[in-house]
PDB file of N, CA and C in Angstrom:
ATOM      1  N   MET A   1       0.850  -1.167   0.000  1.00  0.00           N
ATOM      2  CA  MET A   1       0.000   0.000   0.000  1.00  0.00           C
ATOM      3  C   MET A   1       0.903   1.240   0.000  1.00  0.00           C
ATOM      4  N   PRO A   2       0.588   2.242  -0.830  1.00  0.00           N
ATOM      5  CA  PRO A   2       1.423   3.445  -0.876  1.00  0.00           C
ATOM      6  C   PRO A   2       1.304   4.254   0.411  1.00  0.00           C
ATOM      7  N   LYS A   3       2.388   4.949   0.714  1.00  0.00           N
ATOM      8  CA  LYS A   3       2.417   5.797   1.905  1.00  0.00           C
ATOM      9  C   LYS A   3       1.477   6.975   1.714  1.00  0.00           C
ATOM     10  N   VAL A   4       0.657   7.249   2.721  1.00  0.00           N
ATOM     11  CA  VAL A   4      -0.268   8.375   2.667  1.00  0.00           C
ATOM     12  C   VAL A   4       0.487   9.624   3.103  1.00  0.00           C
ATOM     13  N   ILE A   5       0.496  10.628   2.248  1.00  0.00           N
ATOM     14  CA  ILE A   5       1.162  11.880   2.577  1.00  0.00           C
ATOM     15  C   ILE A   5       0.132  12.812   3.186  1.00  0.00           C
ATOM     16  N   PRO A   6       0.401  13.282   4.407  1.00  0.00           N
ATOM     17  CA  PRO A   6      -0.579  14.143   5.072  1.00  0.00           C
ATOM     18  C   PRO A   6      -0.709  15.490   4.375  1.00  0.00           C
ATOM     19  N   TRP A   7      -1.905  16.056   4.429  1.00  0.00           N
ATOM     20  CA  TRP A   7      -2.120  17.388   3.891  1.00  0.00           C
ATOM     21  C   TRP A   7      -1.621  18.381   4.918  1.00  0.00           C
ATOM     22  N   ILE A   8      -0.893  19.374   4.450  1.00  0.00           N
ATOM     23  CA  ILE A   8      -0.440  20.442   5.338  1.00  0.00           C
ATOM     24  C   ILE A   8      -0.698  21.773   4.658  1.00  0.00           C
ATOM     25  N   ASP A   9      -0.864  22.806   5.458  1.00  0.00           N
ATOM     26  CA  ASP A   9      -1.097  24.126   4.884  1.00  0.00           C
ATOM     27  C   ASP A   9       0.222  24.727   4.393  1.00  0.00           C
ATOM     28  N   GLN A  10       0.121  25.811   3.652  1.00  0.00           N
ATOM     29  CA  GLN A  10       1.295  26.415   3.032  1.00  0.00           C
ATOM     30  C   GLN A  10       2.309  26.906   4.062  1.00  0.00           C
ATOM     31  N   ALA A  11       1.838  27.485   5.149  1.00  0.00           N
ATOM     32  CA  ALA A  11       2.758  27.994   6.174  1.00  0.00           C
ATOM     33  C   ALA A  11       3.587  26.858   6.779  1.00  0.00           C
ATOM     34  N   THR A  12       2.952  25.713   7.013  1.00  0.00           N
ATOM     35  CA  THR A  12       3.667  24.563   7.560  1.00  0.00           C
ATOM     36  C   THR A  12       4.664  24.031   6.550  1.00  0.00           C
ATOM     37  N   ALA A  13       4.254  23.940   5.292  1.00  0.00           N
ATOM     38  CA  ALA A  13       5.162  23.483   4.236  1.00  0.00           C
ATOM     39  C   ALA A  13       6.366  24.409   4.129  1.00  0.00           C
ATOM     40  N   ASP A  14       6.120  25.708   4.202  1.00  0.00           N
ATOM     41  CA  ASP A  14       7.217  26.679   4.139  1.00  0.00           C
ATOM     42  C   ASP A  14       8.169  26.502   5.318  1.00  0.00           C
ATOM     43  N   ALA A  15       7.612  26.307   6.518  1.00  0.00           N
ATOM     44  CA  ALA A  15       8.448  26.127   7.712  1.00  0.00           C
ATOM     45  C   ALA A  15       9.316  24.879   7.585  1.00  0.00           C
ATOM     46  N   LEU A  16       8.749  23.799   7.055  1.00  0.00           N
ATOM     47  CA  LEU A  16       9.524  22.575   6.862  1.00  0.00           C
ATOM     48  C   LEU A  16      10.657  22.796   5.867  1.00  0.00           C
ATOM     49  N   ARG A  17      10.376  23.532   4.801  1.00  0.00           N
ATOM     50  CA  ARG A  17      11.417  23.815   3.804  1.00  0.00           C
ATOM     51  C   ARG A  17      12.514  24.705   4.375  1.00  0.00           C
ATOM     52  N   VAL A  18      12.122  25.700   5.159  1.00  0.00           N
ATOM     53  CA  VAL A  18      13.114  26.593   5.772  1.00  0.00           C
ATOM     54  C   VAL A  18      14.018  25.796   6.714  1.00  0.00           C
ATOM     55  N   LEU A  19      13.422  25.006   7.608  1.00  0.00           N
ATOM     56  CA  LEU A  19      14.215  24.216   8.543  1.00  0.00           C
ATOM     57  C   LEU A  19      15.087  23.210   7.792  1.00  0.00           C
ATOM     58  N   GLY A  20      14.526  22.575   6.776  1.00  0.00           N
ATOM     59  CA  GLY A  20      15.305  21.637   5.971  1.00  0.00           C
ATOM     60  C   GLY A  20      16.494  22.312   5.309  1.00  0.00           C
ATOM     61  N   GLY A  21      16.283  23.514   4.800  1.00  0.00           N
ATOM     62  CA  GLY A  21      17.377  24.263   4.186  1.00  0.00           C
ATOM     63  C   GLY A  21      18.453  24.626   5.189  1.00  0.00           C
ATOM     64  N   GLN A  22      18.042  24.998   6.391  1.00  0.00           N
ATOM     65  CA  GLN A  22      19.013  25.323   7.443  1.00  0.00           C
ATOM     66  C   GLN A  22      19.832  24.089   7.823  1.00  0.00           C
ATOM     67  N   ILE A  23      19.178  22.948   7.882  1.00  0.00           N
ATOM     68  CA  ILE A  23      19.872  21.694   8.195  1.00  0.00           C
ATOM     69  C   ILE A  23      20.872  21.372   7.092  1.00  0.00           C
ATOM     70  N   ARG A  24      20.454  21.534   5.845  1.00  0.00           N
ATOM     71  CA  ARG A  24      21.357  21.237   4.727  1.00  0.00           C
ATOM     72  C   ARG A  24      22.568  22.166   4.735  1.00  0.00           C
ATOM     73  N   GLU A  25      22.336  23.459   4.953  1.00  0.00           N
ATOM     74  CA  GLU A  25      23.452  24.409   5.018  1.00  0.00           C
ATOM     75  C   GLU A  25      24.437  24.025   6.117  1.00  0.00           C
ATOM     76  N   ALA A  26      23.911  23.682   7.292  1.00  0.00           N
ATOM     77  CA  ALA A  26      24.774  23.318   8.415  1.00  0.00           C
ATOM     78  C   ALA A  26      25.541  22.031   8.115  1.00  0.00           C
ATOM     79  N   ARG A  27      24.890  21.091   7.459  1.00  0.00           N
ATOM     80  CA  ARG A  27      25.563  19.832   7.102  1.00  0.00           C
ATOM     81  C   ARG A  27      26.697  20.103   6.123  1.00  0.00           C
ATOM     82  N   HIS A  28      26.433  20.916   5.113  1.00  0.00           N
ATOM     83  CA  HIS A  28      27.472  21.241   4.128  1.00  0.00           C
ATOM     84  C   HIS A  28      28.627  22.005   4.772  1.00  0.00           C
ATOM     85  N   ALA A  29      28.324  22.889   5.721  1.00  0.00           N
ATOM     86  CA  ALA A  29      29.382  23.640   6.412  1.00  0.00           C
ATOM     87  C   ALA A  29      30.319  22.695   7.166  1.00  0.00           C
ATOM     88  N   ARG A  30      29.787  21.564   7.610  1.00  0.00           N
ATOM     89  CA  ARG A  30      30.602  20.574   8.321  1.00  0.00           C
ATOM     90  C   ARG A  30      31.237  19.572   7.362  1.00  0.00           C
ATOM     91  N   LYS A  31      30.924  19.722   6.077  1.00  0.00           N
ATOM     92  CA  LYS A  31      31.434  18.822   5.034  1.00  0.00           C
ATOM     93  C   LYS A  31      31.031  17.364   5.282  1.00  0.00           C
ATOM     94  N   TRP A  32      29.789  17.203   5.777  1.00  0.00           N
ATOM     95  CA  TRP A  32      29.236  15.880   5.990  1.00  0.00           C
ATOM     96  C   TRP A  32      28.358  15.504   4.806  1.00  0.00           C
ATOM     97  N   THR A  33      28.355  14.227   4.464  1.00  0.00           N
ATOM     98  CA  THR A  33      27.386  13.735   3.490  1.00  0.00           C
ATOM     99  C   THR A  33      26.066  13.495   4.224  1.00  0.00           C
ATOM    100  N   ALA A  34      25.018  13.262   3.454  1.00  0.00           N
ATOM    101  CA  ALA A  34      23.731  12.927   4.069  1.00  0.00           C
ATOM    102  C   ALA A  34      23.864  11.637   4.876  1.00  0.00           C
ATOM    103  N   GLU A  35      24.673  10.716   4.375  1.00  0.00           N
ATOM    104  CA  GLU A  35      24.894   9.461   5.092  1.00  0.00           C
ATOM    105  C   GLU A  35      25.635   9.698   6.405  1.00  0.00           C
ATOM    106  N   ASP A  36      26.634  10.612   6.391  1.00  0.00           N
ATOM    107  CA  ASP A  36      27.362  10.945   7.626  1.00  0.00           C
ATOM    108  C   ASP A  36      26.397  11.463   8.693  1.00  0.00           C
ATOM    109  N   LEU A  37      25.552  12.408   8.303  1.00  0.00           N
ATOM    110  CA  LEU A  37      24.592  12.976   9.250  1.00  0.00           C
ATOM    111  C   LEU A  37      23.595  11.915   9.700  1.00  0.00           C
ATOM    112  N   GLY A  38      23.122  11.120   8.754  1.00  0.00           N
ATOM    113  CA  GLY A  38      22.182  10.056   9.096  1.00  0.00           C
ATOM    114  C   GLY A  38      22.745   9.093  10.126  1.00  0.00           C
ATOM    115  N   GLU A  39      24.028   8.773   9.987  1.00  0.00           N
ATOM    116  CA  GLU A  39      24.681   7.890  10.942  1.00  0.00           C
ATOM    117  C   GLU A  39      24.673   8.492  12.346  1.00  0.00           C
ATOM    118  N   ARG A  40      24.932   9.783  12.420  1.00  0.00           N
ATOM    119  CA  ARG A  40      24.964  10.464  13.719  1.00  0.00           C
ATOM    120  C   ARG A  40      23.569  10.560  14.348  1.00  0.00           C
ATOM    121  N   VAL A  41      22.546  10.668  13.504  1.00  0.00           N
ATOM    122  CA  VAL A  41      21.170  10.811  13.994  1.00  0.00           C
ATOM    123  C   VAL A  41      20.523   9.449  14.231  1.00  0.00           C
ATOM    124  N   GLY A  42      20.978   8.439  13.478  1.00  0.00           N
ATOM    125  CA  GLY A  42      20.385   7.111  13.584  1.00  0.00           C
ATOM    126  C   GLY A  42      19.330   6.848  12.525  1.00  0.00           C
ATOM    127  N   VAL A  43      19.474   7.526  11.370  1.00  0.00           N
ATOM    128  CA  VAL A  43      18.556   7.332  10.246  1.00  0.00           C
ATOM    129  C   VAL A  43      19.385   7.133   8.981  1.00  0.00           C
ATOM    130  N   THR A  44      18.717   6.868   7.885  1.00  0.00           N
ATOM    131  CA  THR A  44      19.418   6.692   6.617  1.00  0.00           C
ATOM    132  C   THR A  44      19.713   8.045   5.966  1.00  0.00           C
ATOM    133  N   GLY A  45      20.634   8.019   5.026  1.00  0.00           N
ATOM    134  CA  GLY A  45      20.913   9.225   4.248  1.00  0.00           C
ATOM    135  C   GLY A  45      19.682   9.667   3.474  1.00  0.00           C
ATOM    136  N   ARG A  46      18.876   8.712   3.080  1.00  0.00           N
ATOM    137  CA  ARG A  46      17.637   9.031   2.358  1.00  0.00           C
ATOM    138  C   ARG A  46      16.669   9.829   3.242  1.00  0.00           C
ATOM    139  N   THR A  47      16.609   9.480   4.519  1.00  0.00           N
ATOM    140  CA  THR A  47      15.760  10.231   5.449  1.00  0.00           C
ATOM    141  C   THR A  47      16.297  11.642   5.632  1.00  0.00           C
ATOM    142  N   VAL A  48      17.610  11.793   5.713  1.00  0.00           N
ATOM    143  CA  VAL A  48      18.212  13.126   5.820  1.00  0.00           C
ATOM    144  C   VAL A  48      17.832  13.960   4.604  1.00  0.00           C
ATOM    145  N   THR A  49      17.897  13.373   3.426  1.00  0.00           N
ATOM    146  CA  THR A  49      17.517  14.082   2.200  1.00  0.00           C
ATOM    147  C   THR A  49      16.049  14.500   2.249  1.00  0.00           C
ATOM    148  N   ALA A  50      15.190  13.629   2.777  1.00  0.00           N
ATOM    149  CA  ALA A  50      13.764  13.968   2.907  1.00  0.00           C
ATOM    150  C   ALA A  50      13.579  15.139   3.872  1.00  0.00           C
ATOM    151  N   ILE A  51      14.319  15.138   4.967  1.00  0.00           N
ATOM    152  CA  ILE A  51      14.245  16.239   5.938  1.00  0.00           C
ATOM    153  C   ILE A  51      14.673  17.535   5.266  1.00  0.00           C
ATOM    154  N   GLU A  52      15.784  17.494   4.571  1.00  0.00           N
ATOM    155  CA  GLU A  52      16.320  18.693   3.926  1.00  0.00           C
ATOM    156  C   GLU A  52      15.410  19.209   2.817  1.00  0.00           C
ATOM    157  N   SER A  53      14.602  18.329   2.251  1.00  0.00           N
ATOM    158  CA  SER A  53      13.651  18.724   1.205  1.00  0.00           C
ATOM    159  C   SER A  53      12.341  19.242   1.785  1.00  0.00           C
ATOM    160  N   GLY A  54      12.177  19.126   3.103  1.00  0.00           N
ATOM    161  CA  GLY A  54      10.955  19.600   3.742  1.00  0.00           C
ATOM    162  C   GLY A  54       9.788  18.647   3.619  1.00  0.00           C
ATOM    163  N   LYS A  55      10.072  17.359   3.456  1.00  0.00           N
ATOM    164  CA  LYS A  55       8.994  16.371   3.344  1.00  0.00           C
ATOM    165  C   LYS A  55       8.235  16.266   4.666  1.00  0.00           C
ATOM    166  N   PRO A  56       6.903  16.317   4.630  1.00  0.00           N
ATOM    167  CA  PRO A  56       6.118  16.267   5.867  1.00  0.00           C
ATOM    168  C   PRO A  56       5.949  14.866   6.441  1.00  0.00           C
ATOM    169  N   THR A  57       6.521  13.860   5.791  1.00  0.00           N
ATOM    170  CA  THR A  57       6.328  12.483   6.239  1.00  0.00           C
ATOM    171  C   THR A  57       7.346  12.042   7.281  1.00  0.00           C
ATOM    172  N   VAL A  58       8.379  12.843   7.523  1.00  0.00           N
ATOM    173  CA  VAL A  58       9.398  12.481   8.511  1.00  0.00           C
ATOM    174  C   VAL A  58       8.899  12.875   9.905  1.00  0.00           C
ATOM    175  N   ALA A  59       9.098  11.996  10.868  1.00  0.00           N
ATOM    176  CA  ALA A  59       8.649  12.260  12.242  1.00  0.00           C
ATOM    177  C   ALA A  59       9.283  13.541  12.772  1.00  0.00           C
ATOM    178  N   VAL A  60       8.490  14.332  13.463  1.00  0.00           N
ATOM    179  CA  VAL A  60       8.963  15.625  13.968  1.00  0.00           C
ATOM    180  C   VAL A  60      10.153  15.451  14.911  1.00  0.00           C
ATOM    181  N   GLY A  61      10.166  14.403  15.703  1.00  0.00           N
ATOM    182  CA  GLY A  61      11.295  14.157  16.597  1.00  0.00           C
ATOM    183  C   GLY A  61      12.584  13.928  15.835  1.00  0.00           C
ATOM    184  N   THR A  62      12.488  13.231  14.718  1.00  0.00           N
ATOM    185  CA  THR A  62      13.661  12.985  13.882  1.00  0.00           C
ATOM    186  C   THR A  62      14.167  14.282  13.274  1.00  0.00           C
ATOM    187  N   VAL A  63      13.255  15.125  12.820  1.00  0.00           N
ATOM    188  CA  VAL A  63      13.642  16.416  12.238  1.00  0.00           C
ATOM    189  C   VAL A  63      14.336  17.275  13.292  1.00  0.00           C
ATOM    190  N   LEU A  64      13.760  17.363  14.482  1.00  0.00           N
ATOM    191  CA  LEU A  64      14.344  18.190  15.535  1.00  0.00           C
ATOM    192  C   LEU A  64      15.698  17.654  15.985  1.00  0.00           C
ATOM    193  N   ARG A  65      15.817  16.341  16.123  1.00  0.00           N
ATOM    194  CA  ARG A  65      17.108  15.752  16.508  1.00  0.00           C
ATOM    195  C   ARG A  65      18.154  16.054  15.450  1.00  0.00           C
ATOM    196  N   THR A  66      17.784  15.954  14.184  1.00  0.00           N
ATOM    197  CA  THR A  66      18.720  16.240  13.099  1.00  0.00           C
ATOM    198  C   THR A  66      19.192  17.685  13.173  1.00  0.00           C
ATOM    199  N   ALA A  67      18.263  18.595  13.430  1.00  0.00           N
ATOM    200  CA  ALA A  67      18.627  20.008  13.554  1.00  0.00           C
ATOM    201  C   ALA A  67      19.610  20.209  14.705  1.00  0.00           C
ATOM    202  N   LEU A  68      19.368  19.569  15.824  1.00  0.00           N
ATOM    203  CA  LEU A  68      20.263  19.712  16.973  1.00  0.00           C
ATOM    204  C   LEU A  68      21.649  19.146  16.688  1.00  0.00           C
ATOM    205  N   VAL A  69      21.705  18.013  16.003  1.00  0.00           N
ATOM    206  CA  VAL A  69      22.993  17.378  15.713  1.00  0.00           C
ATOM    207  C   VAL A  69      23.876  18.278  14.851  1.00  0.00           C
ATOM    208  N   VAL A  70      23.283  18.989  13.890  1.00  0.00           N
ATOM    209  CA  VAL A  70      24.092  19.867  13.027  1.00  0.00           C
ATOM    210  C   VAL A  70      24.227  21.274  13.589  1.00  0.00           C
ATOM    211  N   GLY A  71      23.574  21.555  14.715  1.00  0.00           N
ATOM    212  CA  GLY A  71      23.730  22.853  15.359  1.00  0.00           C
ATOM    213  C   GLY A  71      22.786  23.943  14.902  1.00  0.00           C
ATOM    214  N   VAL A  72      21.654  23.571  14.311  1.00  0.00           N
ATOM    215  CA  VAL A  72      20.656  24.569  13.916  1.00  0.00           C
ATOM    216  C   VAL A  72      19.914  25.019  15.171  1.00  0.00           C
ATOM    217  N   ASP A  73      19.852  26.323  15.391  1.00  0.00           N
ATOM    218  CA  ASP A  73      19.138  26.862  16.552  1.00  0.00           C
ATOM    219  C   ASP A  73      17.643  26.586  16.423  1.00  0.00           C
ATOM    220  N   LEU A  74      17.059  26.101  17.507  1.00  0.00           N
ATOM    221  CA  LEU A  74      15.621  25.856  17.559  1.00  0.00           C
ATOM    222  C   LEU A  74      15.016  26.747  18.626  1.00  0.00           C
ATOM    223  N   PHE A  75      13.929  27.388  18.321  1.00  0.00           N
ATOM    224  CA  PHE A  75      13.207  28.219  19.286  1.00  0.00           C
ATOM    225  C   PHE A  75      14.106  29.305  19.872  1.00  0.00           C
ATOM    226  N   GLU A  76      14.951  29.848  19.050  1.00  0.00           N
ATOM    227  CA  GLU A  76      15.901  30.892  19.451  1.00  0.00           C
ATOM    228  C   GLU A  76      16.839  30.418  20.551  1.00  0.00           C
ATOM    229  N   ALA A  77      17.083  29.130  20.593  1.00  0.00           N
ATOM    230  CA  ALA A  77      18.006  28.556  21.570  1.00  0.00           C
ATOM    231  C   ALA A  77      19.171  27.933  20.810  1.00  0.00           C
ATOM    232  N   SER A  78      20.379  28.184  21.271  1.00  0.00           N
ATOM    233  CA  SER A  78      21.542  27.696  20.540  1.00  0.00           C
ATOM    234  C   SER A  78      22.201  26.480  21.183  1.00  0.00           C
ATOM    235  N   SER A  79      21.577  25.929  22.215  1.00  0.00           N
ATOM    236  CA  SER A  79      22.157  24.742  22.845  1.00  0.00           C
ATOM    237  C   SER A  79      21.046  23.883  23.440  1.00  0.00           C
ATOM    238  N   PRO A  80      21.339  22.597  23.635  1.00  0.00           N
ATOM    239  CA  PRO A  80      20.356  21.733  24.287  1.00  0.00           C
ATOM    240  C   PRO A  80      19.979  22.233  25.686  1.00  0.00           C
ATOM    241  N   GLU A  81      20.925  22.874  26.367  1.00  0.00           N
ATOM    242  CA  GLU A  81      20.640  23.405  27.703  1.00  0.00           C
ATOM    243  C   GLU A  81      19.595  24.514  27.641  1.00  0.00           C
ATOM    244  N   GLU A  82      19.715  25.388  26.627  1.00  0.00           N
ATOM    245  CA  GLU A  82      18.735  26.469  26.474  1.00  0.00           C
ATOM    246  C   GLU A  82      17.354  25.911  26.147  1.00  0.00           C
ATOM    247  N   ILE A  83      17.314  24.870  25.327  1.00  0.00           N
ATOM    248  CA  ILE A  83      16.029  24.241  25.001  1.00  0.00           C
ATOM    249  C   ILE A  83      15.424  23.636  26.264  1.00  0.00           C
ATOM    250  N   ALA A  84      16.253  23.001  27.093  1.00  0.00           N
ATOM    251  CA  ALA A  84      15.754  22.434  28.357  1.00  0.00           C
ATOM    252  C   ALA A  84      15.205  23.540  29.256  1.00  0.00           C
ATOM    253  N   ARG A  85      15.878  24.690  29.287  1.00  0.00           N
ATOM    254  CA  ARG A  85      15.404  25.820  30.093  1.00  0.00           C
ATOM    255  C   ARG A  85      14.046  26.300  29.583  1.00  0.00           C
ATOM    256  N   LEU A  86      13.904  26.400  28.251  1.00  0.00           N
ATOM    257  CA  LEU A  86      12.621  26.804  27.668  1.00  0.00           C
ATOM    258  C   LEU A  86      11.527  25.791  28.001  1.00  0.00           C
ATOM    259  N   ARG A  87      11.887  24.495  27.973  1.00  0.00           N
ATOM    260  CA  ARG A  87      10.914  23.450  28.309  1.00  0.00           C
ATOM    261  C   ARG A  87      10.446  23.601  29.749  1.00  0.00           C
ATOM    262  N   ARG A  88      11.397  23.817  30.660  1.00  0.00           N
ATOM    263  CA  ARG A  88      11.028  23.975  32.074  1.00  0.00           C
ATOM    264  C   ARG A  88      10.135  25.193  32.276  1.00  0.00           C
ATOM    265  N   ARG A  89      10.468  26.292  31.605  1.00  0.00           N
ATOM    266  CA  ARG A  89       9.647  27.499  31.729  1.00  0.00           C
ATOM    267  C   ARG A  89       8.231  27.227  31.212  1.00  0.00           C
ATOM    268  N   GLY A  90       8.130  26.521  30.095  1.00  0.00           N
ATOM    269  CA  GLY A  90       6.816  26.175  29.559  1.00  0.00           C
ATOM    270  C   GLY A  90       6.032  25.279  30.498  1.00  0.00           C
ATOM    271  N   GLU A  91       6.718  24.314  31.114  1.00  0.00           N
ATOM    272  CA  GLU A  91       6.051  23.427  32.066  1.00  0.00           C
ATOM    273  C   GLU A  91       5.535  24.203  33.273  1.00  0.00           C
ATOM    274  N   GLU A  92       6.328  25.180  33.731  1.00  0.00           N
ATOM    275  CA  GLU A  92       5.891  26.000  34.865  1.00  0.00           C
ATOM    276  C   GLU A  92       4.632  26.786  34.516  1.00  0.00           C
ATOM    277  N   ARG A  93       4.585  27.336  33.310  1.00  0.00           N
ATOM    278  CA  ARG A  93       3.400  28.091  32.891  1.00  0.00           C
ATOM    279  C   ARG A  93       2.206  27.166  32.717  1.00  0.00           C
ATOM    280  N   LEU A  94       2.433  25.986  32.153  1.00  0.00           N
ATOM    281  CA  LEU A  94       1.333  25.035  31.966  1.00  0.00           C
ATOM    282  C   LEU A  94       0.779  24.548  33.299  1.00  0.00           C
ATOM    283  N   ALA A  95       1.621  24.497  34.328  1.00  0.00           N
ATOM    284  CA  ALA A  95       1.160  24.064  35.651  1.00  0.00           C
ATOM    285  C   ALA A  95       0.127  25.028  36.227  1.00  0.00           C
ATOM    286  N   LEU A  96       0.103  26.246  35.746  1.00  0.00           N
ATOM    287  CA  LEU A  96      -0.856  27.239  36.230  1.00  0.00           C
ATOM    288  C   LEU A  96      -2.233  27.092  35.583  1.00  0.00           C
ATOM    289  N   ILE A  97      -2.304  26.334  34.509  1.00  0.00           N
ATOM    290  CA  ILE A  97      -3.567  26.145  33.796  1.00  0.00           C
ATOM    291  C   ILE A  97      -4.338  25.014  34.469  1.00  0.00           C
ATOM    292  N   PRO A  98      -5.643  25.176  34.691  1.00  0.00           N
ATOM    293  CA  PRO A  98      -6.427  24.090  35.290  1.00  0.00           C
ATOM    294  C   PRO A  98      -6.313  22.819  34.449  1.00  0.00           C
ATOM    295  N   ARG A  99      -6.352  21.680  35.127  1.00  0.00           N
ATOM    296  CA  ARG A  99      -6.242  20.405  34.416  1.00  0.00           C
ATOM    297  C   ARG A  99      -7.421  20.160  33.478  1.00  0.00           C
ATOM    298  N   ARG A 100      -8.576  20.674  33.842  1.00  0.00           N
ATOM    299  CA  ARG A 100      -9.768  20.468  33.017  1.00  0.00           C
ATOM    300  C   ARG A 100     -10.343  21.811  32.628  1.00  0.00           C
ATOM    301  N   THR A 101     -10.853  21.859  31.434  1.00  0.00           N
ATOM    302  CA  THR A 101     -11.560  23.039  30.959  1.00  0.00           C
ATOM    303  C   THR A 101     -12.969  22.596  30.628  1.00  0.00           C
ATOM    304  N   PHE A 102     -13.923  23.291  31.179  1.00  0.00           N
ATOM    305  CA  PHE A 102     -15.315  22.928  30.966  1.00  0.00           C
ATOM    306  C   PHE A 102     -15.933  23.852  29.934  1.00  0.00           C
ATOM    307  N   ALA A 103     -16.806  23.296  29.125  1.00  0.00           N
ATOM    308  CA  ALA A 103     -17.506  24.092  28.119  1.00  0.00           C
ATOM    309  C   ALA A 103     -18.428  25.080  28.809  1.00  0.00           C
ATOM    310  N   SER A 104     -18.601  26.207  28.199  1.00  0.00           N
ATOM    311  CA  SER A 104     -19.493  27.225  28.744  1.00  0.00           C
ATOM    312  C   SER A 104     -20.922  26.703  28.728  1.00  0.00           C
ATOM    313  N   THR A 105     -21.637  26.949  29.821  1.00  0.00           N
ATOM    314  CA  THR A 105     -23.036  26.518  29.894  1.00  0.00           C
ATOM    315  C   THR A 105     -23.981  27.682  29.660  1.00  0.00           C
ATOM    316  N   SER A 106     -23.431  28.816  29.351  1.00  0.00           N
ATOM    317  CA  SER A 106     -24.239  30.010  29.122  1.00  0.00           C
ATOM    318  C   SER A 106     -25.092  29.832  27.870  1.00  0.00           C
ATOM    319  N   THR A 107     -26.356  30.245  27.986  1.00  0.00           N
ATOM    320  CA  THR A 107     -27.256  30.161  26.833  1.00  0.00           C
ATOM    321  C   THR A 107     -27.580  31.544  26.287  1.00  0.00           C
ATOM    322  N   VAL A 108     -26.913  32.558  26.827  1.00  0.00           N
ATOM    323  CA  VAL A 108     -27.147  33.924  26.368  1.00  0.00           C
ATOM    324  C   VAL A 108     -26.535  34.071  24.980  1.00  0.00           C
ATOM    325  N   ALA A 109     -27.362  34.457  24.030  1.00  0.00           N
ATOM    326  CA  ALA A 109     -26.897  34.586  22.657  1.00  0.00           C
ATOM    327  C   ALA A 109     -26.092  35.855  22.440  1.00  0.00           C
ATOM    328  N   ASN A 110     -26.439  36.915  23.184  1.00  0.00           N
ATOM    329  CA  ASN A 110     -25.788  38.192  22.957  1.00  0.00           C
ATOM    330  C   ASN A 110     -25.555  38.865  24.305  1.00  0.00           C
ATOM    331  N   ASP A 111     -24.296  38.926  24.717  1.00  0.00           N
ATOM    332  CA  ASP A 111     -23.978  39.517  26.019  1.00  0.00           C
ATOM    333  C   ASP A 111     -24.314  40.996  26.090  1.00  0.00           C
ATOM    334  N   SER A 112     -24.374  41.687  24.994  1.00  0.00           N
ATOM    335  CA  SER A 112     -24.644  43.124  25.018  1.00  0.00           C
ATOM    336  C   SER A 112     -26.132  43.427  25.224  1.00  0.00           C
ATOM    337  N   ALA A 113     -26.975  42.400  25.293  1.00  0.00           N
ATOM    338  CA  ALA A 113     -28.411  42.603  25.480  1.00  0.00           C
ATOM    339  C   ALA A 113     -28.742  43.006  26.911  1.00  0.00           C
ATOM    340  N   PHE A 114     -27.805  42.868  27.833  1.00  0.00           N
ATOM    341  CA  PHE A 114     -28.081  43.188  29.237  1.00  0.00           C
ATOM    342  C   PHE A 114     -27.649  44.562  29.597  1.00  0.00           C
TER     343      PHE A 114
END
């Protein structure tokens, strides 16, 4: 059975291409082949080529790991430590959000009527 390619919007496709291009530039700056990078990430050279082309079928974790291995800054962070700091800050903010969100039970159609 052929692989189903997910539909993505243009902004997402553009972001994948931009990140893929940044990964390719960083790989070339290190004079690594796609196979060299794939070995370091734990994927094939073909997967690296798919990432660099912006293919939406590659797992997001694989794309992010590849970016980190070649030194592409993610989320304006230039090191794994900075990314961990951003993660902790996000977790702290998420802890302030209630665990459950309930749907509004209001039946008022127009709040300005009062």
